[in-house]
Amino acid sequence: MGHPDFRVGGRIFATLAYPRTAFAALMLTPEQQELFVRTEPKTFRPVPGGWGKKGATQVELRTAKKAAVREALKVAWSNRAPGRKK
């Protein structure tokens, strides 16, 4: 689709350059998304539309703090990892 995707167990957990090069997207749950948006509103926001309502979250890279993005990536990876308990 023209941008790098990161997968675990064949499932995407993060995407770079979506929707533009200054952004990334993470696959979070709606509850996780709400926490990241509340704690770092200049960096995290729901993806517009239905994907965002399901937890897909944009990351504005120029405002991102390394620790917050690292934690969000760990959470997104864990959400998609094989054998994850739901």
PDB file of N, CA and C in Angstrom:
ATOM      1  N   MET A   1       0.816  -1.204   0.000  1.00  0.00           N
ATOM      2  CA  MET A   1       0.000   0.000   0.000  1.00  0.00           C
ATOM      3  C   MET A   1       0.859   1.267   0.000  1.00  0.00           C
ATOM      4  N   GLY A   2       2.151   1.117  -0.233  1.00  0.00           N
ATOM      5  CA  GLY A   2       2.999   2.284  -0.367  1.00  0.00           C
ATOM      6  C   GLY A   2       3.593   2.810   0.931  1.00  0.00           C
ATOM      7  N   HIS A   3       3.433   2.074   2.025  1.00  0.00           N
ATOM      8  CA  HIS A   3       4.055   2.493   3.287  1.00  0.00           C
ATOM      9  C   HIS A   3       4.442   1.246   4.069  1.00  0.00           C
ATOM     10  N   PRO A   4       5.493   1.334   4.895  1.00  0.00           N
ATOM     11  CA  PRO A   4       5.934   0.157   5.647  1.00  0.00           C
ATOM     12  C   PRO A   4       4.946  -0.233   6.739  1.00  0.00           C
ATOM     13  N   ASP A   5       4.672  -1.519   6.828  1.00  0.00           N
ATOM     14  CA  ASP A   5       3.843  -2.077   7.887  1.00  0.00           C
ATOM     15  C   ASP A   5       4.719  -2.980   8.752  1.00  0.00           C
ATOM     16  N   PHE A   6       4.405  -3.041  10.024  1.00  0.00           N
ATOM     17  CA  PHE A   6       5.098  -3.913  10.960  1.00  0.00           C
ATOM     18  C   PHE A   6       4.090  -4.936  11.449  1.00  0.00           C
ATOM     19  N   ARG A   7       4.485  -6.208  11.387  1.00  0.00           N
ATOM     20  CA  ARG A   7       3.554  -7.297  11.678  1.00  0.00           C
ATOM     21  C   ARG A   7       4.120  -8.234  12.731  1.00  0.00           C
ATOM     22  N   VAL A   8       3.199  -8.857  13.432  1.00  0.00           N
ATOM     23  CA  VAL A   8       3.537  -9.948  14.330  1.00  0.00           C
ATOM     24  C   VAL A   8       2.464 -11.006  14.112  1.00  0.00           C
ATOM     25  N   GLY A   9       2.889 -12.242  13.906  1.00  0.00           N
ATOM     26  CA  GLY A   9       1.932 -13.311  13.633  1.00  0.00           C
ATOM     27  C   GLY A   9       1.092 -13.040  12.399  1.00  0.00           C
ATOM     28  N   GLY A  10       1.655 -12.324  11.418  1.00  0.00           N
ATOM     29  CA  GLY A  10       0.944 -12.013  10.185  1.00  0.00           C
ATOM     30  C   GLY A  10      -0.060 -10.865  10.292  1.00  0.00           C
ATOM     31  N   ARG A  11      -0.123 -10.220  11.447  1.00  0.00           N
ATOM     32  CA  ARG A  11      -1.094  -9.133  11.659  1.00  0.00           C
ATOM     33  C   ARG A  11      -0.368  -7.806  11.857  1.00  0.00           C
ATOM     34  N   ILE A  12      -0.862  -6.758  11.226  1.00  0.00           N
ATOM     35  CA  ILE A  12      -0.260  -5.424  11.337  1.00  0.00           C
ATOM     36  C   ILE A  12      -0.512  -4.855  12.728  1.00  0.00           C
ATOM     37  N   PHE A  13       0.559  -4.348  13.359  1.00  0.00           N
ATOM     38  CA  PHE A  13       0.399  -3.649  14.627  1.00  0.00           C
ATOM     39  C   PHE A  13       0.843  -2.195  14.529  1.00  0.00           C
ATOM     40  N   ALA A  14       1.618  -1.846  13.480  1.00  0.00           N
ATOM     41  CA  ALA A  14       2.061  -0.461  13.293  1.00  0.00           C
ATOM     42  C   ALA A  14       2.330  -0.217  11.817  1.00  0.00           C
ATOM     43  N   THR A  15       2.154   1.034  11.413  1.00  0.00           N
ATOM     44  CA  THR A  15       2.383   1.455  10.041  1.00  0.00           C
ATOM     45  C   THR A  15       3.099   2.791  10.067  1.00  0.00           C
ATOM     46  N   LEU A  16       4.129   2.949   9.234  1.00  0.00           N
ATOM     47  CA  LEU A  16       4.808   4.234   9.099  1.00  0.00           C
ATOM     48  C   LEU A  16       4.266   4.975   7.891  1.00  0.00           C
ATOM     49  N   ALA A  17       4.360   6.298   7.944  1.00  0.00           N
ATOM     50  CA  ALA A  17       3.972   7.161   6.822  1.00  0.00           C
ATOM     51  C   ALA A  17       2.499   7.030   6.475  1.00  0.00           C
ATOM     52  N   TYR A  18       1.657   6.886   7.495  1.00  0.00           N
ATOM     53  CA  TYR A  18       0.212   6.850   7.276  1.00  0.00           C
ATOM     54  C   TYR A  18      -0.446   7.886   8.165  1.00  0.00           C
ATOM     55  N   PRO A  19      -1.205   8.808   7.664  1.00  0.00           N
ATOM     56  CA  PRO A  19      -1.580   8.983   6.260  1.00  0.00           C
ATOM     57  C   PRO A  19      -0.533   9.733   5.432  1.00  0.00           C
ATOM     58  N   ARG A  20       0.440  10.368   6.105  1.00  0.00           N
ATOM     59  CA  ARG A  20       1.542  11.060   5.416  1.00  0.00           C
ATOM     60  C   ARG A  20       2.847  10.698   6.117  1.00  0.00           C
ATOM     61  N   THR A  21       3.962  11.139   5.543  1.00  0.00           N
ATOM     62  CA  THR A  21       5.268  10.752   6.078  1.00  0.00           C
ATOM     63  C   THR A  21       5.511  11.219   7.508  1.00  0.00           C
ATOM     64  N   ALA A  22       4.860  12.248   7.967  1.00  0.00           N
ATOM     65  CA  ALA A  22       5.070  12.774   9.320  1.00  0.00           C
ATOM     66  C   ALA A  22       4.277  12.007  10.380  1.00  0.00           C
ATOM     67  N   PHE A  23       3.626  10.931   9.985  1.00  0.00           N
ATOM     68  CA  PHE A  23       2.745  10.197  10.893  1.00  0.00           C
ATOM     69  C   PHE A  23       3.056   8.699  10.888  1.00  0.00           C
ATOM     70  N   ALA A  24       2.528   8.038  11.894  1.00  0.00           N
ATOM     71  CA  ALA A  24       2.492   6.578  11.964  1.00  0.00           C
ATOM     72  C   ALA A  24       1.098   6.215  12.455  1.00  0.00           C
ATOM     73  N   ALA A  25       0.779   4.946  12.421  1.00  0.00           N
ATOM     74  CA  ALA A  25      -0.503   4.473  12.950  1.00  0.00           C
ATOM     75  C   ALA A  25      -0.247   3.211  13.756  1.00  0.00           C
ATOM     76  N   LEU A  26      -0.976   3.070  14.851  1.00  0.00           N
ATOM     77  CA  LEU A  26      -0.865   1.912  15.728  1.00  0.00           C
ATOM     78  C   LEU A  26      -2.231   1.284  15.913  1.00  0.00           C
ATOM     79  N   MET A  27      -2.250  -0.030  16.075  1.00  0.00           N
ATOM     80  CA  MET A  27      -3.497  -0.741  16.304  1.00  0.00           C
ATOM     81  C   MET A  27      -3.660  -0.970  17.807  1.00  0.00           C
ATOM     82  N   LEU A  28      -4.436  -0.117  18.430  1.00  0.00           N
ATOM     83  CA  LEU A  28      -4.723  -0.192  19.856  1.00  0.00           C
ATOM     84  C   LEU A  28      -6.180  -0.575  20.054  1.00  0.00           C
ATOM     85  N   THR A  29      -6.554  -0.866  21.275  1.00  0.00           N
ATOM     86  CA  THR A  29      -7.977  -1.028  21.592  1.00  0.00           C
ATOM     87  C   THR A  29      -8.545   0.368  21.826  1.00  0.00           C
ATOM     88  N   PRO A  30      -9.853   0.543  21.755  1.00  0.00           N
ATOM     89  CA  PRO A  30     -10.419   1.864  22.046  1.00  0.00           C
ATOM     90  C   PRO A  30     -10.037   2.385  23.435  1.00  0.00           C
ATOM     91  N   GLU A  31      -9.953   1.507  24.418  1.00  0.00           N
ATOM     92  CA  GLU A  31      -9.589   1.923  25.777  1.00  0.00           C
ATOM     93  C   GLU A  31      -8.131   2.376  25.844  1.00  0.00           C
ATOM     94  N   GLN A  32      -7.246   1.642  25.184  1.00  0.00           N
ATOM     95  CA  GLN A  32      -5.833   2.022  25.140  1.00  0.00           C
ATOM     96  C   GLN A  32      -5.670   3.347  24.397  1.00  0.00           C
ATOM     97  N   GLN A  33      -6.388   3.471  23.283  1.00  0.00           N
ATOM     98  CA  GLN A  33      -6.342   4.700  22.509  1.00  0.00           C
ATOM     99  C   GLN A  33      -6.747   5.900  23.360  1.00  0.00           C
ATOM    100  N   GLU A  34      -7.822   5.755  24.115  1.00  0.00           N
ATOM    101  CA  GLU A  34      -8.309   6.856  24.949  1.00  0.00           C
ATOM    102  C   GLU A  34      -7.237   7.276  25.947  1.00  0.00           C
ATOM    103  N   LEU A  35      -6.526   6.327  26.525  1.00  0.00           N
ATOM    104  CA  LEU A  35      -5.471   6.634  27.491  1.00  0.00           C
ATOM    105  C   LEU A  35      -4.322   7.402  26.825  1.00  0.00           C
ATOM    106  N   PHE A  36      -3.849   6.931  25.683  1.00  0.00           N
ATOM    107  CA  PHE A  36      -2.745   7.615  25.001  1.00  0.00           C
ATOM    108  C   PHE A  36      -3.168   9.002  24.517  1.00  0.00           C
ATOM    109  N   VAL A  37      -4.372   9.127  23.989  1.00  0.00           N
ATOM    110  CA  VAL A  37      -4.866  10.436  23.527  1.00  0.00           C
ATOM    111  C   VAL A  37      -4.986  11.394  24.707  1.00  0.00           C
ATOM    112  N   ARG A  38      -5.457  10.900  25.837  1.00  0.00           N
ATOM    113  CA  ARG A  38      -5.626  11.759  27.023  1.00  0.00           C
ATOM    114  C   ARG A  38      -4.278  12.204  27.582  1.00  0.00           C
ATOM    115  N   THR A  39      -3.287  11.310  27.594  1.00  0.00           N
ATOM    116  CA  THR A  39      -2.000  11.657  28.207  1.00  0.00           C
ATOM    117  C   THR A  39      -1.063  12.413  27.269  1.00  0.00           C
ATOM    118  N   GLU A  40      -1.189  12.211  25.957  1.00  0.00           N
ATOM    119  CA  GLU A  40      -0.327  12.883  24.973  1.00  0.00           C
ATOM    120  C   GLU A  40      -1.168  13.370  23.783  1.00  0.00           C
ATOM    121  N   PRO A  41      -2.068  14.344  24.009  1.00  0.00           N
ATOM    122  CA  PRO A  41      -3.007  14.748  22.949  1.00  0.00           C
ATOM    123  C   PRO A  41      -2.363  15.422  21.736  1.00  0.00           C
ATOM    124  N   LYS A  42      -1.167  15.943  21.863  1.00  0.00           N
ATOM    125  CA  LYS A  42      -0.494  16.543  20.705  1.00  0.00           C
ATOM    126  C   LYS A  42       0.147  15.490  19.817  1.00  0.00           C
ATOM    127  N   THR A  43       0.261  14.281  20.328  1.00  0.00           N
ATOM    128  CA  THR A  43       0.930  13.203  19.594  1.00  0.00           C
ATOM    129  C   THR A  43      -0.043  12.143  19.099  1.00  0.00           C
ATOM    130  N   PHE A  44      -0.967  11.717  19.939  1.00  0.00           N
ATOM    131  CA  PHE A  44      -1.877  10.621  19.592  1.00  0.00           C
ATOM    132  C   PHE A  44      -3.270  11.150  19.324  1.00  0.00           C
ATOM    133  N   ARG A  45      -3.919  10.590  18.282  1.00  0.00           N
ATOM    134  CA  ARG A  45      -5.314  10.918  17.978  1.00  0.00           C
ATOM    135  C   ARG A  45      -5.930   9.747  17.225  1.00  0.00           C
ATOM    136  N   PRO A  46      -7.239   9.558  17.357  1.00  0.00           N
ATOM    137  CA  PRO A  46      -7.882   8.465  16.607  1.00  0.00           C
ATOM    138  C   PRO A  46      -7.750   8.683  15.093  1.00  0.00           C
ATOM    139  N   VAL A  47      -7.559   7.609  14.364  1.00  0.00           N
ATOM    140  CA  VAL A  47      -7.624   7.665  12.899  1.00  0.00           C
ATOM    141  C   VAL A  47      -9.058   8.053  12.556  1.00  0.00           C
ATOM    142  N   PRO A  48      -9.270   8.959  11.603  1.00  0.00           N
ATOM    143  CA  PRO A  48     -10.643   9.338  11.252  1.00  0.00           C
ATOM    144  C   PRO A  48     -11.472   8.139  10.767  1.00  0.00           C
ATOM    145  N   GLY A  49     -12.752   8.154  11.092  1.00  0.00           N
ATOM    146  CA  GLY A  49     -13.679   7.137  10.600  1.00  0.00           C
ATOM    147  C   GLY A  49     -13.759   5.901  11.480  1.00  0.00           C
ATOM    148  N   GLY A  50     -14.249   4.838  10.886  1.00  0.00           N
ATOM    149  CA  GLY A  50     -14.528   3.603  11.606  1.00  0.00           C
ATOM    150  C   GLY A  50     -13.307   2.930  12.200  1.00  0.00           C
ATOM    151  N   TRP A  51     -12.163   2.974  11.503  1.00  0.00           N
ATOM    152  CA  TRP A  51     -10.947   2.367  12.045  1.00  0.00           C
ATOM    153  C   TRP A  51     -10.564   3.026  13.367  1.00  0.00           C
ATOM    154  N   GLY A  52     -10.700   4.340  13.427  1.00  0.00           N
ATOM    155  CA  GLY A  52     -10.374   5.061  14.655  1.00  0.00           C
ATOM    156  C   GLY A  52     -11.284   4.685  15.802  1.00  0.00           C
ATOM    157  N   LYS A  53     -12.549   4.443  15.516  1.00  0.00           N
ATOM    158  CA  LYS A  53     -13.493   4.035  16.565  1.00  0.00           C
ATOM    159  C   LYS A  53     -13.158   2.656  17.111  1.00  0.00           C
ATOM    160  N   LYS A  54     -12.443   1.855  16.306  1.00  0.00           N
ATOM    161  CA  LYS A  54     -12.035   0.511  16.742  1.00  0.00           C
ATOM    162  C   LYS A  54     -10.666   0.515  17.422  1.00  0.00           C
ATOM    163  N   GLY A  55     -10.026   1.701  17.496  1.00  0.00           N
ATOM    164  CA  GLY A  55      -8.749   1.809  18.197  1.00  0.00           C
ATOM    165  C   GLY A  55      -7.556   2.196  17.348  1.00  0.00           C
ATOM    166  N   ALA A  56      -7.699   2.217  16.024  1.00  0.00           N
ATOM    167  CA  ALA A  56      -6.574   2.630  15.183  1.00  0.00           C
ATOM    168  C   ALA A  56      -6.215   4.072  15.545  1.00  0.00           C
ATOM    169  N   THR A  57      -4.929   4.306  15.810  1.00  0.00           N
ATOM    170  CA  THR A  57      -4.488   5.562  16.391  1.00  0.00           C
ATOM    171  C   THR A  57      -3.345   6.162  15.587  1.00  0.00           C
ATOM    172  N   GLN A  58      -3.480   7.440  15.219  1.00  0.00           N
ATOM    173  CA  GLN A  58      -2.416   8.163  14.534  1.00  0.00           C
ATOM    174  C   GLN A  58      -1.406   8.652  15.554  1.00  0.00           C
ATOM    175  N   VAL A  59      -0.149   8.676  15.129  1.00  0.00           N
ATOM    176  CA  VAL A  59       0.936   9.214  15.935  1.00  0.00           C
ATOM    177  C   VAL A  59       1.602  10.314  15.124  1.00  0.00           C
ATOM    178  N   GLU A  60       1.591  11.535  15.633  1.00  0.00           N
ATOM    179  CA  GLU A  60       2.287  12.639  14.966  1.00  0.00           C
ATOM    180  C   GLU A  60       3.737  12.592  15.423  1.00  0.00           C
ATOM    181  N   LEU A  61       4.627  12.191  14.526  1.00  0.00           N
ATOM    182  CA  LEU A  61       5.998  11.882  14.898  1.00  0.00           C
ATOM    183  C   LEU A  61       6.790  13.096  15.366  1.00  0.00           C
ATOM    184  N   ARG A  62       6.531  14.269  14.840  1.00  0.00           N
ATOM    185  CA  ARG A  62       7.340  15.438  15.242  1.00  0.00           C
ATOM    186  C   ARG A  62       7.061  15.888  16.668  1.00  0.00           C
ATOM    187  N   THR A  63       5.934  15.530  17.244  1.00  0.00           N
ATOM    188  CA  THR A  63       5.636  15.894  18.631  1.00  0.00           C
ATOM    189  C   THR A  63       5.828  14.720  19.586  1.00  0.00           C
ATOM    190  N   ALA A  64       6.185  13.580  19.049  1.00  0.00           N
ATOM    191  CA  ALA A  64       6.229  12.342  19.837  1.00  0.00           C
ATOM    192  C   ALA A  64       7.425  12.298  20.780  1.00  0.00           C
ATOM    193  N   LYS A  65       7.153  11.845  21.990  1.00  0.00           N
ATOM    194  CA  LYS A  65       8.211  11.557  22.962  1.00  0.00           C
ATOM    195  C   LYS A  65       8.571  10.095  22.818  1.00  0.00           C
ATOM    196  N   LYS A  66       9.866   9.818  22.811  1.00  0.00           N
ATOM    197  CA  LYS A  66      10.350   8.457  22.582  1.00  0.00           C
ATOM    198  C   LYS A  66       9.706   7.452  23.541  1.00  0.00           C
ATOM    199  N   ALA A  67       9.637   7.792  24.813  1.00  0.00           N
ATOM    200  CA  ALA A  67       9.096   6.848  25.806  1.00  0.00           C
ATOM    201  C   ALA A  67       7.624   6.537  25.544  1.00  0.00           C
ATOM    202  N   ALA A  68       6.839   7.549  25.169  1.00  0.00           N
ATOM    203  CA  ALA A  68       5.409   7.330  24.908  1.00  0.00           C
ATOM    204  C   ALA A  68       5.207   6.447  23.682  1.00  0.00           C
ATOM    205  N   VAL A  69       5.973   6.698  22.632  1.00  0.00           N
ATOM    206  CA  VAL A  69       5.841   5.892  21.419  1.00  0.00           C
ATOM    207  C   VAL A  69       6.327   4.472  21.675  1.00  0.00           C
ATOM    208  N   ARG A  70       7.403   4.323  22.420  1.00  0.00           N
ATOM    209  CA  ARG A  70       7.893   2.991  22.760  1.00  0.00           C
ATOM    210  C   ARG A  70       6.817   2.190  23.493  1.00  0.00           C
ATOM    211  N   GLU A  71       6.177   2.824  24.480  1.00  0.00           N
ATOM    212  CA  GLU A  71       5.126   2.150  25.247  1.00  0.00           C
ATOM    213  C   GLU A  71       3.935   1.806  24.341  1.00  0.00           C
ATOM    214  N   ALA A  72       3.524   2.725  23.492  1.00  0.00           N
ATOM    215  CA  ALA A  72       2.400   2.477  22.587  1.00  0.00           C
ATOM    216  C   ALA A  72       2.720   1.342  21.612  1.00  0.00           C
ATOM    217  N   LEU A  73       3.955   1.292  21.119  1.00  0.00           N
ATOM    218  CA  LEU A  73       4.357   0.201  20.229  1.00  0.00           C
ATOM    219  C   LEU A  73       4.312  -1.143  20.947  1.00  0.00           C
ATOM    220  N   LYS A  74       4.770  -1.189  22.186  1.00  0.00           N
ATOM    221  CA  LYS A  74       4.709  -2.425  22.965  1.00  0.00           C
ATOM    222  C   LYS A  74       3.264  -2.891  23.127  1.00  0.00           C
ATOM    223  N   VAL A  75       2.384  -1.957  23.428  1.00  0.00           N
ATOM    224  CA  VAL A  75       0.968  -2.286  23.617  1.00  0.00           C
ATOM    225  C   VAL A  75       0.373  -2.798  22.308  1.00  0.00           C
ATOM    226  N   ALA A  76       0.632  -2.082  21.211  1.00  0.00           N
ATOM    227  CA  ALA A  76       0.104  -2.494  19.906  1.00  0.00           C
ATOM    228  C   ALA A  76       0.635  -3.873  19.517  1.00  0.00           C
ATOM    229  N   TRP A  77       1.927  -4.114  19.736  1.00  0.00           N
ATOM    230  CA  TRP A  77       2.509  -5.422  19.428  1.00  0.00           C
ATOM    231  C   TRP A  77       1.819  -6.505  20.248  1.00  0.00           C
ATOM    232  N   SER A  78       1.646  -6.238  21.538  1.00  0.00           N
ATOM    233  CA  SER A  78       1.010  -7.215  22.425  1.00  0.00           C
ATOM    234  C   SER A  78      -0.422  -7.524  21.987  1.00  0.00           C
ATOM    235  N   ASN A  79      -1.129  -6.514  21.499  1.00  0.00           N
ATOM    236  CA  ASN A  79      -2.494  -6.725  21.029  1.00  0.00           C
ATOM    237  C   ASN A  79      -2.571  -7.713  19.877  1.00  0.00           C
ATOM    238  N   ARG A  80      -1.550  -7.735  19.043  1.00  0.00           N
ATOM    239  CA  ARG A  80      -1.565  -8.565  17.832  1.00  0.00           C
ATOM    240  C   ARG A  80      -0.760  -9.848  17.938  1.00  0.00           C
ATOM    241  N   ALA A  81       0.036  -9.984  18.987  1.00  0.00           N
ATOM    242  CA  ALA A  81       0.932 -11.142  19.104  1.00  0.00           C
ATOM    243  C   ALA A  81       0.143 -12.446  19.226  1.00  0.00           C
ATOM    244  N   PRO A  82       0.631 -13.505  18.598  1.00  0.00           N
ATOM    245  CA  PRO A  82      -0.032 -14.806  18.716  1.00  0.00           C
ATOM    246  C   PRO A  82      -0.097 -15.265  20.170  1.00  0.00           C
ATOM    247  N   GLY A  83      -1.167 -15.889  20.529  1.00  0.00           N
ATOM    248  CA  GLY A  83      -1.315 -16.420  21.868  1.00  0.00           C
ATOM    249  C   GLY A  83      -1.714 -15.405  22.917  1.00  0.00           C
ATOM    250  N   ARG A  84      -1.977 -14.180  22.493  1.00  0.00           N
ATOM    251  CA  ARG A  84      -2.393 -13.140  23.437  1.00  0.00           C
ATOM    252  C   ARG A  84      -3.746 -13.509  24.020  1.00  0.00           C
ATOM    253  N   LYS A  85      -3.863 -13.427  25.323  1.00  0.00           N
ATOM    254  CA  LYS A  85      -5.149 -13.694  25.975  1.00  0.00           C
ATOM    255  C   LYS A  85      -6.039 -12.481  25.855  1.00  0.00           C
ATOM    256  N   LYS A  86      -7.283 -12.700  25.486  1.00  0.00           N
ATOM    257  CA  LYS A  86      -8.217 -11.584  25.310  1.00  0.00           C
ATOM    258  C   LYS A  86      -9.187 -11.527  26.447  1.00  0.00           C
TER     259      LYS A  86
END
